[in-house]
Structure formats: C-alpha cells, structure tokens
Amino acid sequence: DAISIQNHRVISTTGIKCVGNSVVLHGVPYLPPYKISAIGDRRKLQKALDDSQYIENLQDYVVKFQLGYEVKNQSSISMPRWRSYQACSAAG
C-alpha cells in the first residue's frame, strides 16, 4: 500500500539509482545502512521477500561479507507523505 526508502515516500515515478554502494533518490545520494519501510499485507510482503531472487542473492552477500539485514514486523509504523521534488541544477 505504501513504501519509503530512507524515510522518503516512494511512488511509481520516483527516480531510484544505484551508484557504487549508494542509492540516489531524487538526485540525493544515501549510503548504507538503508531503511526500507512498507505498509501492506504482511503475508504477501513476506512471501515477496522469500520468493525474490534478489533477496536470495543479498542473503549470500550478507553472510559472505558480514553485512546487516533485518526484517521487522510491526503492528504500526509512520509513513511520510509524498512530496514533490524538483531536480537540482548547478549554474556553471
């Protein structure tokens, strides 16, 4: 029903890029650790994680490189509202 990354609401048109080990949202780079929050049917969300080849690959890296990975089920979370971002430009 809703998702946020690094406490920024994500919608279908949100620009997300990976650059090295950073994630770029709306032109702003964020370094790990990443916090992803989702609101929805817990069983469906967990099944999506369990069935994901990407998460399976991530789990391999978690073990190999001793990375952190945690999934928390909470009865209530706060989700930021979506806000419009304008692309940044630098005058040269």
N, C-alpha and C. Protein backbone atom coordinates (compact mmCIF):
# COMPACT_ATOMS: atom_id res chain seq x y z
N ASP A 1 0.82 -1.20 0.00
CA ASP A 1 0.00 0.00 0.00
C ASP A 1 0.86 1.26 0.00
N ALA A 2 2.03 1.19 0.65
CA ALA A 2 2.94 2.34 0.69
C ALA A 2 4.35 1.85 0.99
N ILE A 3 5.33 2.59 0.49
CA ILE A 3 6.73 2.23 0.74
C ILE A 3 7.56 3.50 0.89
N SER A 4 8.58 3.41 1.73
CA SER A 4 9.53 4.52 1.85
C SER A 4 10.94 3.94 1.90
N ILE A 5 11.89 4.72 1.40
CA ILE A 5 13.30 4.39 1.47
C ILE A 5 13.99 5.58 2.11
N GLN A 6 14.77 5.30 3.16
CA GLN A 6 15.47 6.36 3.88
C GLN A 6 14.48 7.46 4.31
N ASN A 7 13.29 7.05 4.67
CA ASN A 7 12.23 7.94 5.15
C ASN A 7 11.72 8.91 4.07
N HIS A 8 11.86 8.52 2.80
CA HIS A 8 11.30 9.27 1.68
C HIS A 8 10.25 8.40 1.03
N ARG A 9 9.05 8.90 0.91
CA ARG A 9 7.96 8.15 0.31
C ARG A 9 8.29 7.86 -1.15
N VAL A 10 8.04 6.65 -1.58
CA VAL A 10 8.31 6.21 -2.94
C VAL A 10 6.99 6.00 -3.66
N ILE A 11 6.90 6.54 -4.87
CA ILE A 11 5.73 6.31 -5.71
C ILE A 11 6.22 5.77 -7.05
N SER A 12 5.30 5.49 -7.95
CA SER A 12 5.66 4.84 -9.22
C SER A 12 6.63 5.66 -10.06
N THR A 13 6.67 6.96 -9.89
CA THR A 13 7.55 7.79 -10.71
C THR A 13 8.83 8.22 -9.98
N THR A 14 9.07 7.69 -8.78
CA THR A 14 10.26 8.03 -8.03
C THR A 14 11.49 7.52 -8.76
N GLY A 15 12.47 8.40 -8.92
CA GLY A 15 13.73 8.01 -9.54
C GLY A 15 14.67 7.41 -8.51
N ILE A 16 15.05 6.16 -8.70
CA ILE A 16 15.96 5.47 -7.79
C ILE A 16 17.11 4.92 -8.63
N LYS A 17 18.35 5.23 -8.21
CA LYS A 17 19.53 4.75 -8.92
C LYS A 17 20.53 4.19 -7.92
N CYS A 18 21.25 3.19 -8.34
CA CYS A 18 22.39 2.70 -7.56
C CYS A 18 23.65 3.25 -8.20
N VAL A 19 24.50 3.87 -7.38
CA VAL A 19 25.78 4.39 -7.84
C VAL A 19 26.82 3.89 -6.86
N GLY A 20 27.59 2.90 -7.28
CA GLY A 20 28.52 2.27 -6.34
C GLY A 20 27.73 1.62 -5.23
N ASN A 21 28.07 1.97 -3.98
CA ASN A 21 27.30 1.40 -2.86
C ASN A 21 26.28 2.39 -2.32
N SER A 22 26.00 3.45 -3.07
CA SER A 22 24.99 4.41 -2.61
C SER A 22 23.72 4.28 -3.45
N VAL A 23 22.62 4.70 -2.85
CA VAL A 23 21.34 4.78 -3.53
C VAL A 23 21.03 6.25 -3.71
N VAL A 24 20.64 6.62 -4.91
CA VAL A 24 20.32 8.02 -5.20
C VAL A 24 18.81 8.15 -5.36
N LEU A 25 18.21 8.97 -4.49
CA LEU A 25 16.78 9.27 -4.54
C LEU A 25 16.61 10.74 -4.81
N HIS A 26 15.89 11.07 -5.86
CA HIS A 26 15.64 12.48 -6.20
C HIS A 26 16.94 13.26 -6.30
N GLY A 27 18.00 12.61 -6.81
CA GLY A 27 19.27 13.28 -7.00
C GLY A 27 20.15 13.37 -5.76
N VAL A 28 19.69 12.82 -4.63
CA VAL A 28 20.45 12.88 -3.38
C VAL A 28 20.99 11.49 -3.06
N PRO A 29 22.33 11.33 -2.91
CA PRO A 29 22.89 10.02 -2.60
C PRO A 29 22.76 9.68 -1.11
N TYR A 30 22.47 8.42 -0.83
CA TYR A 30 22.39 7.91 0.53
C TYR A 30 23.29 6.68 0.63
N LEU A 31 24.07 6.63 1.69
CA LEU A 31 24.96 5.49 1.93
C LEU A 31 24.31 4.52 2.90
N PRO A 32 24.77 3.26 2.92
CA PRO A 32 24.22 2.29 3.86
C PRO A 32 24.47 2.73 5.30
N PRO A 33 23.67 2.26 6.22
CA PRO A 33 22.62 1.26 6.05
C PRO A 33 21.36 1.88 5.47
N TYR A 34 20.60 1.08 4.75
CA TYR A 34 19.35 1.53 4.15
C TYR A 34 18.18 1.07 4.99
N LYS A 35 17.20 1.94 5.10
CA LYS A 35 15.97 1.58 5.79
C LYS A 35 14.83 1.66 4.79
N ILE A 36 14.19 0.53 4.58
CA ILE A 36 13.05 0.45 3.68
C ILE A 36 11.85 0.04 4.52
N SER A 37 10.78 0.82 4.44
CA SER A 37 9.56 0.54 5.18
C SER A 37 8.43 0.31 4.19
N ALA A 38 7.54 -0.61 4.54
CA ALA A 38 6.40 -0.90 3.67
C ALA A 38 5.16 -1.14 4.51
N ILE A 39 4.04 -0.70 3.98
CA ILE A 39 2.74 -0.95 4.59
C ILE A 39 1.95 -1.83 3.62
N GLY A 40 1.43 -2.91 4.13
CA GLY A 40 0.64 -3.81 3.29
C GLY A 40 0.36 -5.10 4.01
N ASP A 41 -0.16 -6.07 3.29
CA ASP A 41 -0.46 -7.38 3.83
C ASP A 41 0.85 -8.07 4.21
N ARG A 42 1.03 -8.35 5.50
CA ARG A 42 2.29 -8.92 5.99
C ARG A 42 2.66 -10.22 5.30
N ARG A 43 1.68 -11.08 5.12
CA ARG A 43 1.96 -12.38 4.49
C ARG A 43 2.42 -12.20 3.05
N LYS A 44 1.77 -11.32 2.32
CA LYS A 44 2.16 -11.09 0.93
C LYS A 44 3.53 -10.42 0.84
N LEU A 45 3.79 -9.47 1.73
CA LEU A 45 5.09 -8.81 1.72
C LEU A 45 6.21 -9.81 2.05
N GLN A 46 5.98 -10.65 3.07
CA GLN A 46 7.00 -11.64 3.45
C GLN A 46 7.20 -12.66 2.34
N LYS A 47 6.12 -13.08 1.70
CA LYS A 47 6.23 -14.04 0.59
C LYS A 47 7.02 -13.43 -0.56
N ALA A 48 6.80 -12.15 -0.84
CA ALA A 48 7.56 -11.49 -1.90
C ALA A 48 9.05 -11.48 -1.58
N LEU A 49 9.40 -11.24 -0.32
CA LEU A 49 10.81 -11.30 0.08
C LEU A 49 11.34 -12.72 -0.03
N ASP A 50 10.58 -13.68 0.45
CA ASP A 50 11.01 -15.08 0.43
C ASP A 50 11.19 -15.61 -0.98
N ASP A 51 10.38 -15.14 -1.92
CA ASP A 51 10.42 -15.63 -3.30
C ASP A 51 11.37 -14.85 -4.20
N SER A 52 11.98 -13.80 -3.69
CA SER A 52 12.81 -12.91 -4.51
C SER A 52 14.22 -13.45 -4.71
N GLN A 53 14.61 -13.58 -5.96
CA GLN A 53 15.99 -13.98 -6.28
C GLN A 53 16.97 -12.90 -5.83
N TYR A 54 16.56 -11.64 -5.91
CA TYR A 54 17.42 -10.53 -5.46
C TYR A 54 17.72 -10.64 -3.96
N ILE A 55 16.69 -10.95 -3.18
CA ILE A 55 16.89 -11.09 -1.73
C ILE A 55 17.74 -12.32 -1.44
N GLU A 56 17.55 -13.39 -2.20
CA GLU A 56 18.39 -14.57 -2.03
C GLU A 56 19.86 -14.23 -2.29
N ASN A 57 20.11 -13.47 -3.35
CA ASN A 57 21.48 -13.04 -3.64
C ASN A 57 22.01 -12.13 -2.54
N LEU A 58 21.17 -11.23 -2.05
CA LEU A 58 21.57 -10.35 -0.96
C LEU A 58 21.96 -11.16 0.27
N GLN A 59 21.18 -12.18 0.57
CA GLN A 59 21.47 -13.01 1.74
C GLN A 59 22.85 -13.67 1.61
N ASP A 60 23.23 -14.05 0.39
CA ASP A 60 24.57 -14.60 0.17
C ASP A 60 25.64 -13.57 0.54
N TYR A 61 25.43 -12.32 0.12
CA TYR A 61 26.38 -11.24 0.44
C TYR A 61 26.39 -10.92 1.94
N VAL A 62 25.22 -11.00 2.55
CA VAL A 62 25.12 -10.75 3.99
C VAL A 62 26.02 -11.72 4.75
N VAL A 63 25.99 -12.99 4.36
CA VAL A 63 26.81 -14.00 5.02
C VAL A 63 28.29 -13.81 4.64
N LYS A 64 28.55 -13.67 3.36
CA LYS A 64 29.93 -13.60 2.87
C LYS A 64 30.69 -12.40 3.41
N PHE A 65 30.02 -11.24 3.46
CA PHE A 65 30.69 -10.01 3.86
C PHE A 65 30.25 -9.49 5.23
N GLN A 66 29.52 -10.32 5.96
CA GLN A 66 29.04 -9.98 7.31
C GLN A 66 28.29 -8.65 7.33
N LEU A 67 27.34 -8.53 6.42
CA LEU A 67 26.51 -7.33 6.33
C LEU A 67 25.31 -7.48 7.25
N GLY A 68 24.65 -6.39 7.53
CA GLY A 68 23.44 -6.43 8.32
C GLY A 68 22.21 -6.58 7.43
N TYR A 69 21.25 -7.31 7.91
CA TYR A 69 19.96 -7.46 7.22
C TYR A 69 18.94 -7.88 8.26
N GLU A 70 17.86 -7.13 8.33
CA GLU A 70 16.85 -7.42 9.33
C GLU A 70 15.48 -7.06 8.79
N VAL A 71 14.52 -7.94 9.01
CA VAL A 71 13.13 -7.67 8.66
C VAL A 71 12.35 -7.63 9.96
N LYS A 72 11.63 -6.53 10.17
CA LYS A 72 10.81 -6.38 11.37
C LYS A 72 9.35 -6.29 10.97
N ASN A 73 8.52 -7.03 11.67
CA ASN A 73 7.08 -6.90 11.50
C ASN A 73 6.56 -6.05 12.65
N GLN A 74 5.94 -4.95 12.30
CA GLN A 74 5.41 -4.04 13.32
C GLN A 74 3.92 -3.85 13.09
N SER A 75 3.20 -3.68 14.18
CA SER A 75 1.76 -3.50 14.06
C SER A 75 1.40 -2.10 13.59
N SER A 76 2.33 -1.15 13.77
CA SER A 76 2.06 0.23 13.37
C SER A 76 3.37 0.92 13.02
N ILE A 77 3.39 1.60 11.88
CA ILE A 77 4.55 2.42 11.51
C ILE A 77 4.06 3.75 10.98
N SER A 78 4.94 4.72 11.01
CA SER A 78 4.64 6.04 10.46
C SER A 78 5.26 6.13 9.07
N MET A 79 4.47 6.54 8.11
CA MET A 79 4.94 6.65 6.73
C MET A 79 4.89 8.11 6.31
N PRO A 80 6.01 8.64 5.79
CA PRO A 80 6.00 10.04 5.36
C PRO A 80 5.06 10.24 4.17
N ARG A 81 4.50 11.42 4.08
CA ARG A 81 3.68 11.76 2.91
C ARG A 81 4.61 11.98 1.73
N TRP A 82 4.09 11.75 0.52
CA TRP A 82 4.87 12.02 -0.67
C TRP A 82 4.96 13.52 -0.85
N ARG A 83 6.13 13.97 -1.25
CA ARG A 83 6.27 15.38 -1.58
C ARG A 83 7.01 15.52 -2.89
N SER A 84 6.70 16.55 -3.60
CA SER A 84 7.28 16.78 -4.91
C SER A 84 8.72 17.26 -4.77
N TYR A 85 9.59 16.71 -5.59
CA TYR A 85 11.00 17.13 -5.61
C TYR A 85 11.28 17.71 -6.99
N GLN A 86 12.07 18.75 -7.01
CA GLN A 86 12.50 19.30 -8.29
C GLN A 86 13.95 18.96 -8.47
N ALA A 87 14.30 18.65 -9.70
CA ALA A 87 15.69 18.29 -9.99
C ALA A 87 16.59 19.46 -9.67
N CYS A 88 17.73 19.14 -9.10
CA CYS A 88 18.72 20.17 -8.77
C CYS A 88 19.57 20.45 -9.99
N SER A 89 19.91 21.68 -10.19
CA SER A 89 20.82 22.01 -11.27
C SER A 89 21.83 23.02 -10.75
N ALA A 90 23.03 22.91 -11.23
CA ALA A 90 24.10 23.81 -10.82
C ALA A 90 24.42 24.77 -11.95
N ALA A 91 24.46 26.02 -11.62
CA ALA A 91 24.83 27.02 -12.64
C ALA A 91 26.34 27.03 -12.78
N GLY A 92 26.81 27.01 -13.98
CA GLY A 92 28.25 26.92 -14.18
C GLY A 92 28.79 28.12 -14.69
